[in-house]
Amino acid sequence: MDELAQKIDCLLACPPYGLPTEERQSALLELLKEELEYACRKNSAYRNYVQHWPADIRSAGRIAELPYLPVGLLKRQPPLSLVDPCEIKRTLTSSSTTGQMPSRIVLDSPTARRMTKGVIAIAQDFIGSARRPYLVVDVPGSVGGGPELGARGAAIRGLQPFASEVTYCLRLDEDGDLAVERDKLLQFAEARRSSRVLVYGFTYILWKYLVKPLCAANICLGMSDLHILHSGGWKLLQEEAVDKATFNEGLARVFGCSADRVIDFYGMVENVGVIYPDCPEGNKHVPVFADVTVRDPLTLQPVQEGEKGIVQVCSVLPTSFPGHLLLTEDLAEMVAFDGCRCGRRGSCFRFMGRVAKAEVRGCGNIERSRQRPV
């Protein structure tokens, strides 16, 4: 295990978008084979799954030939695990609508450490490494305090290494709904107009509980030197006919910045340590320690550049659960396998939404269920 961990850390230490595609793919393939064999030794159910895969993993010539799990299998109870219960430090839970089973992802200390390092490596390539005031458009309770952590809390905590201080600007009203703390937000903006600031919120929360009320009150915070990162499903915004351009312009108007300071990133708790922010060209890039395969919905064969299909994500970071290769319920277009004009190496894609009839995730368990954050 020590040798495997060293190989993972070595890849994690590389520039996230600096390796040529062939070199990155070769390094990933060999490491993934070792990780799959390790996972098979640690979990008999997973070993049985891999042994019934149509091809032997040792003879695979590319990542797309390795066995992948449908992401729904991570909803099973007890969670799929490669470690003893005493080694589990935290359980991440995906967002899900009321009555539906969330994914539960077990983390041991090494996987949790790599998860943090992976998010930091990716994020600092887009926003720099300096610490700065961190404005969270959410309530403090969303990060939780127990052994389980939801999607919202995981995203918020993932960016805390960039924070010199953390401020939450939403509260729960008497009905348990979210509401902006306007005075607190205005005081934050007034005190930090000359500072570089980091803002994060779930996509729908930003729109409904920040942009809409502040625009209605004709308030501009006058904070031009910031980055606004957001994640979460777009379905609720699509129902309101809000596209990405409208969303970015609304945030830019409220904060007083340019629209290119708004960065959407795709991520899922099952794909630990990997997020996919939009580059200036509007593409999402694959870091050196991960991969994305877009598969044809009918044949499940990998698509070519310019074609659309189901997203399969890959990460070498977890050793606490078999989350190395996961077939999601999301759709994407494979833009290019290398050569984006932004200068980042490696594959890039564009997220296209959910597979038809796939369950709708809960956008952080907000609004429709009126649940208090956990």
Protein backbone atom coordinates (compact mmCIF):
# COMPACT_ATOMS: atom_id res chain seq x y z
CA MET A 1 0.00 0.00 0.00
CA ASP A 2 2.85 2.40 0.78
CA GLU A 3 4.27 2.04 -2.73
CA LEU A 4 0.82 2.60 -4.29
CA ALA A 5 0.28 5.69 -2.13
CA GLN A 6 3.64 7.10 -3.23
CA LYS A 7 2.71 6.67 -6.89
CA ILE A 8 -0.61 8.48 -6.34
CA ASP A 9 1.12 11.33 -4.51
CA CYS A 10 3.71 11.60 -7.29
CA LEU A 11 1.01 12.09 -9.91
CA LEU A 12 -0.88 14.47 -7.63
CA ALA A 13 2.26 16.61 -7.35
CA CYS A 14 2.47 17.16 -11.13
CA PRO A 15 1.15 20.39 -12.69
CA PRO A 16 -2.60 19.64 -13.06
CA TYR A 17 -2.77 20.50 -16.77
CA GLY A 18 0.86 20.30 -17.84
CA LEU A 19 1.42 16.76 -19.13
CA PRO A 20 0.96 15.78 -22.78
CA THR A 21 -2.09 13.57 -23.30
CA GLU A 22 -0.20 10.38 -24.15
CA GLU A 23 2.09 10.68 -21.13
CA ARG A 24 -0.84 11.40 -18.81
CA GLN A 25 -2.94 8.52 -20.17
CA SER A 26 -0.05 6.05 -19.87
CA ALA A 27 0.68 7.01 -16.26
CA LEU A 28 -3.01 6.87 -15.33
CA LEU A 29 -3.59 3.50 -16.97
CA GLU A 30 -0.81 1.70 -15.12
CA LEU A 31 -1.73 3.29 -11.80
CA LEU A 32 -5.42 2.47 -12.23
CA LYS A 33 -4.62 -1.19 -12.91
CA GLU A 34 -2.73 -1.34 -9.61
CA GLU A 35 -5.55 0.40 -7.79
CA LEU A 36 -8.20 -1.92 -9.21
CA GLU A 37 -6.19 -4.96 -8.14
CA TYR A 38 -5.81 -3.42 -4.68
CA ALA A 39 -9.56 -2.78 -4.49
CA CYS A 40 -10.29 -6.37 -5.49
CA ARG A 41 -8.12 -7.64 -2.64
CA LYS A 42 -9.93 -5.40 -0.17
CA ASN A 43 -13.57 -5.99 -1.18
CA SER A 44 -14.91 -9.38 -2.29
CA ALA A 45 -18.09 -7.97 -3.85
CA TYR A 46 -16.06 -5.59 -5.98
CA ARG A 47 -13.66 -8.42 -6.88
CA ASN A 48 -16.59 -10.50 -8.11
CA TYR A 49 -17.77 -7.56 -10.24
CA VAL A 50 -14.34 -7.08 -11.83
CA GLN A 51 -13.85 -10.80 -12.43
CA HIS A 52 -17.05 -10.87 -14.48
CA TRP A 53 -15.98 -7.90 -16.59
CA PRO A 54 -15.73 -8.89 -20.29
CA ALA A 55 -11.98 -8.19 -20.44
CA ASP A 56 -9.03 -8.83 -18.15
CA ILE A 57 -7.91 -5.54 -16.59
CA ARG A 58 -4.24 -6.52 -16.94
CA SER A 59 -4.52 -6.60 -20.74
CA ALA A 60 -6.35 -3.27 -21.08
CA GLY A 61 -4.58 -0.94 -23.48
CA ARG A 62 -6.53 2.20 -22.58
CA ILE A 63 -8.51 3.60 -19.65
CA ALA A 64 -11.83 3.21 -21.48
CA GLU A 65 -11.38 -0.59 -21.40
CA LEU A 66 -11.15 -0.81 -17.60
CA PRO A 67 -14.21 -1.87 -15.55
CA TYR A 68 -16.38 0.98 -14.35
CA LEU A 69 -19.15 1.09 -11.77
CA PRO A 70 -22.54 2.72 -12.42
CA VAL A 71 -22.62 5.54 -9.90
CA GLY A 72 -25.92 4.23 -8.53
CA LEU A 73 -24.08 1.30 -6.93
CA LEU A 74 -22.58 3.76 -4.44
CA LYS A 75 -26.07 4.20 -2.97
CA ARG A 76 -25.97 0.72 -1.41
CA GLN A 77 -25.96 0.23 2.34
CA PRO A 78 -23.60 -0.36 3.94
CA PRO A 79 -21.42 1.79 1.67
CA LEU A 80 -18.86 0.13 -0.58
CA SER A 81 -15.61 0.32 1.34
CA LEU A 82 -11.98 -0.76 1.04
CA VAL A 83 -11.08 0.02 4.67
CA ASP A 84 -12.05 -1.23 8.11
CA PRO A 85 -14.82 0.72 9.89
CA CYS A 86 -12.33 2.07 12.43
CA GLU A 87 -10.37 3.73 9.59
CA ILE A 88 -13.35 5.72 8.29
CA LYS A 89 -12.90 9.37 9.25
CA ARG A 90 -15.88 10.87 7.38
CA THR A 91 -18.75 9.88 5.11
CA LEU A 92 -19.68 12.18 2.23
CA THR A 93 -23.28 12.13 1.06
CA SER A 94 -24.48 13.23 -2.37
CA SER A 95 -27.44 15.56 -2.75
CA SER A 96 -30.73 13.78 -3.41
CA THR A 97 -34.40 14.63 -3.42
CA THR A 98 -36.65 13.61 -0.54
CA GLY A 99 -37.25 9.86 -0.39
CA GLN A 100 -34.32 8.96 -2.63
CA MET A 101 -31.18 7.26 -1.41
CA PRO A 102 -28.01 9.40 -1.59
CA SER A 103 -24.59 8.04 -2.42
CA ARG A 104 -22.42 7.52 0.65
CA ILE A 105 -18.68 7.80 0.18
CA VAL A 106 -16.37 6.67 2.97
CA LEU A 107 -13.10 8.51 3.46
CA ASP A 108 -10.06 7.43 5.42
CA SER A 109 -7.30 9.89 6.30
CA PRO A 110 -5.13 9.33 3.19
CA THR A 111 -8.09 9.68 0.79
CA ALA A 112 -9.37 12.79 2.61
CA ARG A 113 -5.90 14.34 2.41
CA ARG A 114 -5.64 13.64 -1.33
CA MET A 115 -9.15 14.99 -1.86
CA THR A 116 -8.12 18.32 -0.34
CA LYS A 117 -4.86 18.45 -2.30
CA GLY A 118 -6.66 17.64 -5.56
CA VAL A 119 -9.21 20.44 -5.18
CA ILE A 120 -6.49 22.90 -4.18
CA ALA A 121 -4.30 22.01 -7.19
CA ILE A 122 -7.19 22.51 -9.60
CA ALA A 123 -8.64 25.65 -8.03
CA GLN A 124 -5.33 27.49 -7.70
CA ASP A 125 -4.69 26.98 -11.43
CA PHE A 126 -7.80 29.12 -12.01
CA ILE A 127 -7.77 31.62 -9.13
CA GLY A 128 -4.19 31.63 -7.80
CA SER A 129 -2.87 30.37 -4.48
CA ALA A 130 -3.19 33.48 -2.27
CA ARG A 131 -5.43 33.39 0.78
CA ARG A 132 -8.28 35.91 0.77
CA PRO A 133 -11.60 36.74 2.47
CA TYR A 134 -14.04 33.94 1.66
CA LEU A 135 -17.73 34.81 1.29
CA VAL A 136 -19.99 31.77 1.45
CA VAL A 137 -23.49 32.34 0.09
CA ASP A 138 -25.05 29.83 2.45
CA VAL A 139 -25.76 29.27 6.15
CA PRO A 140 -23.07 28.07 8.59
CA GLY A 141 -25.05 24.88 9.29
CA SER A 142 -24.52 23.64 5.74
CA VAL A 143 -21.00 22.42 6.59
CA GLY A 144 -22.32 20.18 9.35
CA GLY A 145 -20.44 19.04 12.40
CA GLY A 146 -20.85 15.28 12.51
CA PRO A 147 -19.27 12.33 10.75
CA GLU A 148 -21.37 12.85 7.59
CA LEU A 149 -20.91 15.76 5.20
CA GLY A 150 -23.25 16.67 2.34
CA ALA A 151 -22.45 17.98 -1.13
CA ARG A 152 -22.85 21.63 -0.15
CA GLY A 153 -20.65 21.28 2.89
CA ALA A 154 -17.99 19.37 0.95
CA ALA A 155 -17.82 22.09 -1.70
CA ILE A 156 -17.63 24.87 0.91
CA ARG A 157 -14.91 23.11 2.87
CA GLY A 158 -12.98 22.24 -0.27
CA LEU A 159 -12.27 25.94 -0.88
CA GLN A 160 -11.46 26.88 2.72
CA PRO A 161 -7.67 26.45 2.22
CA PHE A 162 -7.88 29.66 0.13
CA ALA A 163 -9.57 31.58 2.97
CA SER A 164 -7.99 34.10 5.29
CA GLU A 165 -11.42 34.44 6.94
CA VAL A 166 -14.86 32.95 6.27
CA THR A 167 -18.18 34.86 6.23
CA TYR A 168 -21.62 33.31 5.67
CA CYS A 169 -24.28 35.67 4.34
CA LEU A 170 -27.49 33.62 4.46
CA ARG A 171 -29.72 32.68 7.40
CA LEU A 172 -32.78 30.54 8.00
CA ASP A 173 -36.01 32.49 8.46
CA GLU A 174 -38.88 31.48 10.74
CA ASP A 175 -40.23 29.11 8.06
CA GLY A 176 -36.90 27.34 7.66
CA ASP A 177 -36.25 28.93 4.27
CA LEU A 178 -33.04 30.66 3.23
CA ALA A 179 -32.78 34.45 3.28
CA VAL A 180 -29.94 36.88 2.64
CA GLU A 181 -28.52 38.81 5.60
CA ARG A 182 -28.43 42.10 3.72
CA ASP A 183 -26.81 44.26 6.39
CA LYS A 184 -24.09 41.69 7.03
CA LEU A 185 -23.40 41.38 3.31
CA LEU A 186 -23.21 45.16 2.83
CA GLN A 187 -20.82 45.49 5.76
CA PHE A 188 -18.63 42.74 4.30
CA ALA A 189 -18.55 44.49 0.91
CA GLU A 190 -17.80 47.90 2.42
CA ALA A 191 -14.87 46.57 4.45
CA ARG A 192 -13.33 44.55 1.61
CA ARG A 193 -13.80 46.56 -1.56
CA SER A 194 -10.04 46.92 -1.94
CA SER A 195 -9.38 43.22 -1.20
CA ARG A 196 -9.27 40.22 -3.45
CA VAL A 197 -12.24 38.07 -2.44
CA LEU A 198 -13.41 34.51 -3.08
CA VAL A 199 -17.15 33.81 -3.28
CA TYR A 200 -18.80 30.39 -3.37
CA GLY A 201 -22.39 29.20 -3.50
CA PHE A 202 -24.58 26.50 -5.02
CA THR A 203 -25.83 27.70 -8.40
CA TYR A 204 -29.52 27.91 -7.54
CA ILE A 205 -28.87 29.38 -4.09
CA LEU A 206 -26.81 32.19 -5.62
CA TRP A 207 -29.54 33.03 -8.09
CA LYS A 208 -32.63 32.86 -5.86
CA TYR A 209 -31.29 34.10 -2.56
CA LEU A 210 -28.64 36.62 -3.67
CA VAL A 211 -29.01 37.80 -7.26
CA LYS A 212 -32.81 38.12 -7.38
CA PRO A 213 -33.34 40.01 -4.09
CA LEU A 214 -30.34 42.32 -4.57
CA CYS A 215 -31.26 43.10 -8.18
CA ALA A 216 -34.83 43.83 -7.07
CA ALA A 217 -33.42 46.29 -4.51
CA ASN A 218 -31.03 47.75 -7.11
CA ILE A 219 -28.01 46.95 -4.92
CA CYS A 220 -24.47 46.68 -6.29
CA LEU A 221 -21.78 45.56 -3.83
CA GLY A 222 -18.95 47.26 -5.74
CA MET A 223 -16.49 44.38 -5.40
CA SER A 224 -14.58 44.07 -8.66
CA ASP A 225 -11.51 42.09 -7.54
CA LEU A 226 -13.04 38.70 -6.83
CA HIS A 227 -13.71 35.25 -8.18
CA ILE A 228 -17.16 33.72 -7.86
CA LEU A 229 -17.16 29.93 -7.97
CA HIS A 230 -20.41 27.99 -8.10
CA SER A 231 -21.53 24.41 -8.58
CA GLY A 232 -24.70 22.34 -8.47
CA GLY A 233 -27.44 21.44 -10.90
CA TRP A 234 -28.92 23.85 -13.42
CA LYS A 235 -32.34 22.18 -13.63
CA LEU A 236 -34.15 24.61 -11.33
CA LEU A 237 -32.69 27.58 -13.20
CA GLN A 238 -33.64 26.08 -16.54
CA GLU A 239 -37.22 25.91 -15.31
CA GLU A 240 -36.99 29.69 -14.84
CA ALA A 241 -35.42 30.10 -18.31
CA VAL A 242 -32.11 31.29 -16.83
CA ASP A 243 -29.15 30.33 -19.02
CA LYS A 244 -25.46 30.61 -18.17
CA ALA A 245 -25.01 34.03 -19.80
CA THR A 246 -27.98 35.46 -17.89
CA PHE A 247 -26.73 33.93 -14.65
CA ASN A 248 -23.20 35.31 -15.09
CA GLU A 249 -24.48 38.78 -16.00
CA GLY A 250 -26.76 38.82 -12.95
CA LEU A 251 -23.93 37.93 -10.58
CA ALA A 252 -21.61 40.44 -12.24
CA ARG A 253 -24.23 43.18 -11.84
CA VAL A 254 -24.75 42.42 -8.14
CA PHE A 255 -21.06 42.24 -7.25
CA GLY A 256 -19.87 44.96 -9.63
CA CYS A 257 -17.36 42.76 -11.44
CA SER A 258 -16.90 41.48 -14.97
CA ALA A 259 -18.83 38.38 -16.01
CA ASP A 260 -15.61 36.45 -16.66
CA ARG A 261 -15.01 36.42 -12.88
CA VAL A 262 -17.87 33.91 -12.54
CA ILE A 263 -16.61 30.31 -12.77
CA ASP A 264 -18.97 27.35 -12.99
CA PHE A 265 -17.51 24.02 -11.98
CA TYR A 266 -18.84 20.50 -12.40
CA GLY A 267 -18.17 18.04 -9.65
CA MET A 268 -19.69 15.21 -7.65
CA VAL A 269 -18.89 13.84 -4.20
CA GLU A 270 -18.40 10.39 -5.71
CA ASN A 271 -15.49 11.73 -7.80
CA VAL A 272 -13.49 12.80 -4.75
CA GLY A 273 -10.86 15.49 -5.12
CA VAL A 274 -11.75 16.37 -8.70
CA ILE A 275 -13.63 19.44 -9.88
CA TYR A 276 -13.98 20.73 -13.44
CA PRO A 277 -14.11 24.54 -13.61
CA ASP A 278 -14.93 26.37 -16.85
CA CYS A 279 -11.90 27.81 -18.61
CA PRO A 280 -12.20 31.13 -20.53
CA GLU A 281 -13.20 29.11 -23.61
CA GLY A 282 -16.15 27.60 -21.71
CA ASN A 283 -14.58 24.13 -21.51
CA LYS A 284 -14.06 21.86 -18.50
CA HIS A 285 -10.60 20.30 -18.25
CA VAL A 286 -9.35 16.96 -16.95
CA PRO A 287 -6.47 17.20 -14.44
CA VAL A 288 -3.45 14.91 -14.56
CA PHE A 289 -4.72 12.65 -11.75
CA ALA A 290 -8.14 12.08 -13.37
CA ASP A 291 -9.83 11.35 -16.67
CA VAL A 292 -13.21 11.65 -18.38
CA THR A 293 -14.60 9.29 -21.01
CA VAL A 294 -17.79 10.27 -22.83
CA ARG A 295 -19.70 7.14 -23.91
CA ASP A 296 -22.34 6.69 -26.58
CA PRO A 297 -25.69 6.13 -24.75
CA LEU A 298 -26.60 3.15 -26.97
CA THR A 299 -23.30 1.32 -27.42
CA LEU A 300 -21.35 2.65 -24.41
CA GLN A 301 -18.34 3.01 -26.70
CA PRO A 302 -16.20 6.15 -26.27
CA VAL A 303 -17.28 8.99 -28.55
CA GLN A 304 -15.05 11.13 -30.78
CA GLU A 305 -14.36 14.85 -30.53
CA GLY A 306 -17.52 16.89 -31.08
CA GLU A 307 -19.85 14.02 -30.09
CA LYS A 308 -22.11 13.77 -27.03
CA GLY A 309 -22.78 10.98 -24.58
CA ILE A 310 -22.80 9.79 -20.96
CA VAL A 311 -19.97 10.97 -18.71
CA GLN A 312 -17.66 8.44 -17.12
CA VAL A 313 -15.36 10.00 -14.54
CA CYS A 314 -12.06 8.64 -13.28
CA SER A 315 -9.82 9.47 -10.33
CA VAL A 316 -6.72 7.81 -8.88
CA LEU A 317 -7.14 9.60 -5.54
CA PRO A 318 -9.44 7.27 -3.53
CA THR A 319 -8.14 4.18 -1.76
CA SER A 320 -10.98 4.02 0.81
CA PHE A 321 -13.74 3.06 -1.66
CA PRO A 322 -13.80 1.76 -5.27
CA GLY A 323 -14.54 5.10 -6.91
CA HIS A 324 -11.78 5.01 -9.51
CA LEU A 325 -14.04 4.65 -12.58
CA LEU A 326 -17.70 5.67 -12.36
CA LEU A 327 -20.38 5.90 -15.04
CA THR A 328 -22.51 8.91 -14.10
CA GLU A 329 -26.04 9.92 -15.06
CA ASP A 330 -24.77 13.10 -16.73
CA LEU A 331 -24.37 14.06 -20.39
CA ALA A 332 -21.48 15.93 -21.97
CA GLU A 333 -19.91 16.84 -25.29
CA MET A 334 -16.30 15.78 -25.76
CA VAL A 335 -14.77 18.99 -27.11
CA ALA A 336 -11.15 17.90 -27.60
CA PHE A 337 -8.63 15.36 -26.37
CA ASP A 338 -5.96 18.07 -26.27
CA GLY A 339 -5.25 21.57 -27.51
CA CYS A 340 -7.75 23.98 -25.89
CA ARG A 341 -7.01 27.61 -26.72
CA CYS A 342 -6.77 28.43 -23.00
CA GLY A 343 -3.42 26.57 -23.00
CA ARG A 344 -4.34 23.75 -20.61
CA ARG A 345 -3.28 20.29 -21.77
CA GLY A 346 -5.50 17.21 -21.70
CA SER A 347 -9.10 16.39 -22.55
CA CYS A 348 -11.83 18.99 -22.25
CA PHE A 349 -15.60 18.67 -22.37
CA ARG A 350 -18.84 20.60 -21.86
CA PHE A 351 -21.53 19.49 -19.46
CA MET A 352 -24.92 19.05 -21.16
CA GLY A 353 -27.31 18.07 -18.35
CA ARG A 354 -28.82 14.87 -16.97
CA VAL A 355 -29.64 11.64 -18.78
CA ALA A 356 -33.39 11.44 -19.53
CA LYS A 357 -35.33 9.68 -16.74
CA ALA A 358 -32.32 9.67 -14.42
CA GLU A 359 -33.27 10.76 -10.93
CA VAL A 360 -33.02 14.49 -10.36
CA ARG A 361 -30.50 15.30 -7.69
CA GLY A 362 -31.59 17.63 -4.94
CA CYS A 363 -29.42 20.66 -5.72
CA GLY A 364 -27.98 20.46 -2.22
CA ASN A 365 -31.29 19.45 -0.60
CA ILE A 366 -32.77 22.92 -0.88
CA GLU A 367 -35.98 24.69 -1.72
CA ARG A 368 -38.42 22.00 -2.75
CA SER A 369 -37.94 19.83 0.31
CA ARG A 370 -37.59 22.86 2.62
CA GLN A 371 -35.13 20.88 4.70
CA ARG A 372 -32.78 22.49 7.11
CA PRO A 373 -29.12 22.12 6.07
CA VAL A 374 -27.31 19.14 7.54
